[in-house]
Each structure stands twice: as structure tokens, then as C-alpha cells.
Amino acid sequence: MASGHLSRAEALACPGCRHACHVMLYCDTKTLLFGSIPIRHIILMQMRFDGLLGFPGGFVNPSEESLEAGLTRELSEELGVALPILVEDHVDSCYAPASSSSSSSSPRVITHFYAKKMEEEQIRELERAAVTTATDHGQEVLGMVRVPLYTMEDGGGLAPFLSHSFVGNARSQLADTLLRLHLIAPEELREAVACSLTIQVRAAEELRAALASAEAKRKLL
């Protein structure tokens, strides 16, 4: 427990904690990008209302419903499909990182992460439903995105994706589950993370330059 990781039973026994459940939906694919780059796996994430990347899911009250039933309910709202999630799909439970906006009196949040493997056509049906029938589309969820596990010759792919902003511990959940399920080789992930750090530094420099340029132009008006 010192690392912040809990068993499912320990997490449910935590007094006064809030519980958030999220799931990584994925499948294998033989599809090639541009006819030559193996995509290997389709992994679904979403662009949230706050501009951050995260996994489908939300808060669940274990006193009113099971974690899995609550997650299924959240998926129905966000994806337009009441996809059943099972206890067997559970991957990890841990304390969420403290938010800069949370106070010391705020209840601690425990995140429960699940991974569910599906068929490729099921994944495609989910993507269609998320746009056409999900009640949260365009509100809490701005759109579904796929995680690019490949690396292109120009550096595109997983590295730039990891350099984006993620909510809570979604980025670490993604990295951990990619390795846990053997969806990517450890050396590939290490290289992508190293490249993403370089991308973040460059992006910060470009953002500062853009801001300085905008302020200089404003003063001329």
C-alpha cells in the first residue's frame, strides 16, 4: 500500500474515499497505416471536455452499485453502448494523484482501472455509437481517439501522443497496461517516452515564443 496501489478489496474498504472507474477497450488488428505501417492494436481513449486525454468511465458510488455496474453505466452515457464490464477485467486500483485544485479536506479518490479485449468490428461499432447515440458526445466527451502504437520515420506516432496532456494518472495507466498486456515491447515504450520529453520541451519553447509574438503585436495596435 505504500506505493499507493491497493487490492480491489482494500480499495472498497477505504472509508470516506471516492471511487472512479475507467477502462481501456482494445483489440488486435491487421490493418496497415498507409498500406505499410502495422497498427497492431486499436486502443480507445477520449478527448474530454477539459481538453485532456483520458479513458472512458467516471465516478461510481459502491454503496449504490458495484464498480463494474457503475462503469457499464458510464460507458452507456459516454459511448452509447452499455458494455458489460466484469470483475475479471480489473487491472489495478490505486490512489489518484492529488489535484492542484483539491484541498486537504477533500476526500481521497481511488481509481480503478480495467482492460477489456474486444473484436475489431465491436471496437468500430463503439466508435460509431460514440458519435451517433452517446448522450455525452459533444459535452463531457469531445470525441474518441485511438492510441498510435507505431513510430513513423519522421518521429510521428506514439511519442507525440504521449507528449499530450492526460487527466490524472491516465498516462501511467496506459503505459503500465501496454506493458502488462504485452502490446508493446519495453524498449519501444522507453524510446517513445524519451522522444516525448524532447517534444514537450520544444513545444514549451514554441508556446513561449508564440505568446511573446502575440503580446508584441498587441502593443503595436
Protein backbone atom coordinates (compact mmCIF):
# COMPACT_ATOMS: atom_id res chain seq x y z
CA MET A 1 0.00 0.00 0.00
CA ALA A 2 2.99 2.30 0.43
CA SER A 3 3.20 2.73 -3.35
CA GLY A 4 -0.43 3.81 -3.47
CA HIS A 5 -1.59 0.57 -5.09
CA LEU A 6 -4.40 -1.38 -3.47
CA SER A 7 -6.19 -4.63 -3.97
CA ARG A 8 -9.79 -4.27 -5.08
CA ALA A 9 -10.97 -5.36 -1.61
CA GLU A 10 -8.65 -2.90 0.16
CA ALA A 11 -9.88 -0.10 -2.07
CA LEU A 12 -13.54 -0.83 -1.37
CA ALA A 13 -12.84 -0.92 2.36
CA CYS A 14 -11.31 2.58 2.34
CA PRO A 15 -13.53 4.84 4.48
CA GLY A 16 -14.60 8.19 3.08
CA CYS A 17 -12.97 7.69 -0.33
CA ARG A 18 -14.48 8.42 -3.72
CA HIS A 19 -14.15 5.83 -6.45
CA ALA A 20 -13.54 6.42 -10.16
CA CYS A 21 -13.60 3.57 -12.68
CA HIS A 22 -12.15 3.68 -16.20
CA VAL A 23 -11.48 1.09 -18.87
CA MET A 24 -9.10 0.56 -21.75
CA LEU A 25 -11.01 -1.02 -24.63
CA TYR A 26 -8.75 -2.61 -27.22
CA CYS A 27 -8.44 -5.18 -29.97
CA ASP A 28 -5.85 -6.68 -32.31
CA THR A 29 -5.83 -5.57 -35.93
CA LYS A 30 -4.02 -6.49 -39.12
CA THR A 31 -4.74 -3.08 -40.65
CA LEU A 32 -1.81 -1.18 -42.13
CA LEU A 33 -1.47 2.60 -41.99
CA PHE A 34 -0.80 3.93 -45.50
CA GLY A 35 -0.64 0.31 -46.56
CA SER A 36 2.76 -0.27 -44.95
CA ILE A 37 2.85 0.59 -41.22
CA PRO A 38 1.38 -2.11 -38.91
CA ILE A 39 -1.15 -0.59 -36.50
CA ARG A 40 -1.10 -3.84 -34.44
CA HIS A 41 -3.70 -2.85 -31.85
CA ILE A 42 -6.62 -0.43 -31.64
CA ILE A 43 -6.80 1.21 -28.21
CA LEU A 44 -9.58 3.66 -27.44
CA MET A 45 -9.20 6.82 -25.39
CA GLN A 46 -11.18 10.04 -25.46
CA MET A 47 -10.72 13.77 -25.63
CA ARG A 48 -12.52 15.13 -22.58
CA PHE A 49 -14.46 18.35 -22.08
CA ASP A 50 -11.42 19.89 -20.35
CA GLY A 51 -9.10 19.22 -23.29
CA LEU A 52 -7.31 16.34 -21.55
CA LEU A 53 -6.95 12.78 -22.79
CA GLY A 54 -8.44 10.03 -20.66
CA PHE A 55 -10.16 6.67 -20.69
CA PRO A 56 -13.95 6.17 -20.75
CA GLY A 57 -15.51 5.97 -17.31
CA GLY A 58 -16.32 8.12 -14.31
CA PHE A 59 -17.23 8.22 -10.63
CA VAL A 60 -19.06 5.29 -9.06
CA ASN A 61 -20.73 5.00 -5.66
CA PRO A 62 -20.05 1.45 -4.37
CA SER A 63 -22.84 1.81 -1.80
CA GLU A 64 -25.37 2.04 -4.63
CA GLU A 65 -23.88 -0.20 -7.33
CA SER A 66 -20.90 -2.41 -7.96
CA LEU A 67 -17.80 -0.86 -9.51
CA GLU A 68 -18.38 -2.81 -12.69
CA ALA A 69 -22.09 -1.90 -12.93
CA GLY A 70 -21.22 1.76 -12.41
CA LEU A 71 -18.56 1.62 -15.11
CA THR A 72 -21.02 -0.03 -17.50
CA ARG A 73 -23.47 2.81 -16.80
CA GLU A 74 -20.78 5.42 -17.52
CA LEU A 75 -19.89 3.67 -20.78
CA SER A 76 -23.53 3.77 -21.84
CA GLU A 77 -23.52 7.55 -21.39
CA GLU A 78 -20.14 8.19 -23.00
CA LEU A 79 -20.10 5.54 -25.73
CA GLY A 80 -23.78 4.95 -26.37
CA VAL A 81 -23.38 1.23 -25.57
CA ALA A 82 -23.97 -0.47 -22.21
CA LEU A 83 -20.86 -2.60 -22.50
CA PRO A 84 -20.73 -5.13 -19.62
CA ILE A 85 -17.52 -4.90 -17.58
CA LEU A 86 -16.59 -7.86 -15.37
CA VAL A 87 -14.51 -8.23 -12.22
CA GLU A 88 -12.15 -10.31 -14.35
CA ASP A 89 -11.41 -7.20 -16.43
CA HIS A 90 -9.98 -5.39 -13.38
CA VAL A 91 -6.31 -4.45 -13.74
CA ASP A 92 -5.37 -2.12 -10.92
CA SER A 93 -6.65 0.10 -8.10
CA CYS A 94 -4.64 2.97 -6.66
CA TYR A 95 -4.91 6.39 -5.09
CA ALA A 96 -5.30 9.11 -7.69
CA PRO A 97 -2.62 11.84 -7.78
CA ALA A 98 -3.63 14.92 -5.80
CA SER A 99 -5.17 17.65 -7.93
CA SER A 100 -3.89 21.21 -7.67
CA SER A 101 -7.48 22.32 -7.07
CA SER A 102 -8.21 19.81 -4.29
CA SER A 103 -7.94 20.80 -0.64
CA SER A 104 -6.61 18.79 2.27
CA SER A 105 -10.20 18.25 3.43
CA SER A 106 -11.30 16.76 0.10
CA PRO A 107 -11.96 13.00 0.15
CA ARG A 108 -9.25 10.90 -1.43
CA VAL A 109 -10.02 9.45 -4.84
CA ILE A 110 -9.24 5.84 -5.69
CA THR A 111 -9.05 4.97 -9.36
CA HIS A 112 -10.00 1.50 -10.56
CA PHE A 113 -8.66 0.57 -13.98
CA TYR A 114 -9.97 -2.14 -16.26
CA ALA A 115 -8.91 -3.53 -19.64
CA LYS A 116 -11.32 -5.32 -21.95
CA LYS A 117 -10.26 -7.01 -25.16
CA MET A 118 -12.82 -7.00 -27.96
CA GLU A 119 -13.15 -7.89 -31.62
CA GLU A 120 -12.18 -5.24 -34.15
CA GLU A 121 -15.73 -4.87 -35.50
CA GLN A 122 -17.01 -4.37 -31.94
CA ILE A 123 -14.50 -1.56 -31.48
CA ARG A 124 -15.62 0.03 -34.74
CA GLU A 125 -19.26 -0.22 -33.66
CA LEU A 126 -18.37 1.52 -30.40
CA GLU A 127 -16.68 4.33 -32.29
CA ARG A 128 -19.78 4.81 -34.44
CA ALA A 129 -22.12 4.72 -31.45
CA ALA A 130 -19.97 7.22 -29.54
CA VAL A 131 -20.68 9.79 -32.26
CA THR A 132 -24.28 8.95 -33.12
CA THR A 133 -26.04 7.80 -29.95
CA ALA A 134 -23.95 8.66 -26.85
CA THR A 135 -25.67 11.30 -24.70
CA ASP A 136 -22.35 12.77 -23.56
CA HIS A 137 -20.90 13.27 -27.05
CA GLY A 138 -20.01 16.92 -27.59
CA GLN A 139 -20.43 17.67 -23.89
CA GLU A 140 -18.39 15.65 -21.40
CA VAL A 141 -16.72 13.79 -24.27
CA LEU A 142 -15.48 15.68 -27.32
CA GLY A 143 -14.51 12.60 -29.31
CA MET A 144 -12.91 9.18 -29.26
CA VAL A 145 -9.26 8.79 -30.26
CA ARG A 146 -7.01 5.83 -31.00
CA VAL A 147 -3.59 5.42 -29.43
CA PRO A 148 -0.93 5.16 -32.18
CA LEU A 149 1.43 2.39 -31.11
CA TYR A 150 3.66 2.74 -34.16
CA THR A 151 6.63 5.05 -34.78
CA MET A 152 6.98 6.68 -38.19
CA GLU A 153 10.23 7.68 -39.87
CA ASP A 154 9.60 11.35 -39.04
CA GLY A 155 9.03 10.51 -35.37
CA GLY A 156 5.25 10.61 -35.55
CA GLY A 157 3.13 8.12 -33.66
CA LEU A 158 3.35 7.11 -30.01
CA ALA A 159 5.94 9.69 -28.89
CA PRO A 160 3.92 12.80 -29.85
CA PHE A 161 0.78 11.15 -28.48
CA LEU A 162 2.41 10.66 -25.07
CA SER A 163 3.51 14.30 -25.07
CA HIS A 164 -0.13 15.47 -24.91
CA SER A 165 -1.84 16.30 -21.61
CA PHE A 166 -3.61 13.45 -19.82
CA VAL A 167 -6.07 13.58 -16.92
CA GLY A 168 -4.98 12.20 -13.53
CA ASN A 169 -2.96 9.01 -13.88
CA ALA A 170 -4.32 8.07 -17.34
CA ARG A 171 -0.88 8.32 -18.95
CA SER A 172 0.70 5.95 -16.42
CA GLN A 173 -2.31 3.63 -16.68
CA LEU A 174 -1.79 3.50 -20.43
CA ALA A 175 1.96 2.81 -20.18
CA ASP A 176 1.54 0.20 -17.45
CA THR A 177 -1.22 -1.67 -19.29
CA LEU A 178 0.63 -1.62 -22.61
CA LEU A 179 3.48 -3.47 -20.91
CA ARG A 180 1.27 -5.66 -18.73
CA LEU A 181 -0.65 -6.96 -21.76
CA HIS A 182 2.48 -7.17 -23.95
CA LEU A 183 1.02 -4.77 -26.51
CA ILE A 184 4.37 -3.05 -26.93
CA ALA A 185 7.97 -4.00 -26.24
CA PRO A 186 9.58 -2.28 -23.21
CA GLU A 187 12.37 -0.80 -25.37
CA GLU A 188 9.80 0.69 -27.76
CA LEU A 189 7.98 2.36 -24.90
CA ARG A 190 11.20 3.69 -23.34
CA GLU A 191 12.23 5.22 -26.67
CA ALA A 192 8.79 6.77 -27.18
CA VAL A 193 8.82 8.29 -23.67
CA ALA A 194 12.31 9.74 -24.22
CA CYS A 195 11.21 11.30 -27.51
CA SER A 196 8.02 12.65 -25.95
CA LEU A 197 10.04 14.51 -23.32
CA THR A 198 12.03 16.21 -26.08
CA ILE A 199 8.78 17.09 -27.85
CA GLN A 200 7.37 18.64 -24.66
CA VAL A 201 10.44 20.83 -24.20
CA ARG A 202 10.25 22.02 -27.80
CA ALA A 203 6.51 22.65 -27.51
CA ALA A 204 7.03 24.76 -24.38
CA GLU A 205 9.64 26.87 -26.18
CA GLU A 206 7.32 27.33 -29.17
CA LEU A 207 4.43 28.29 -26.90
CA ARG A 208 6.51 30.91 -25.11
CA ALA A 209 7.64 32.31 -28.48
CA ALA A 210 4.05 32.43 -29.75
CA LEU A 211 2.92 34.24 -26.61
CA ALA A 212 5.74 36.77 -26.87
CA SER A 213 4.91 37.37 -30.53
CA ALA A 214 1.20 37.86 -29.77
CA GLU A 215 1.97 40.33 -26.97
CA ALA A 216 4.37 42.28 -29.21
CA LYS A 217 1.73 42.55 -31.93
CA ARG A 218 -0.91 43.65 -29.41
CA LYS A 219 1.30 46.52 -28.24
CA LEU A 220 1.56 47.76 -31.83
CA LEU A 221 -2.22 48.00 -32.20
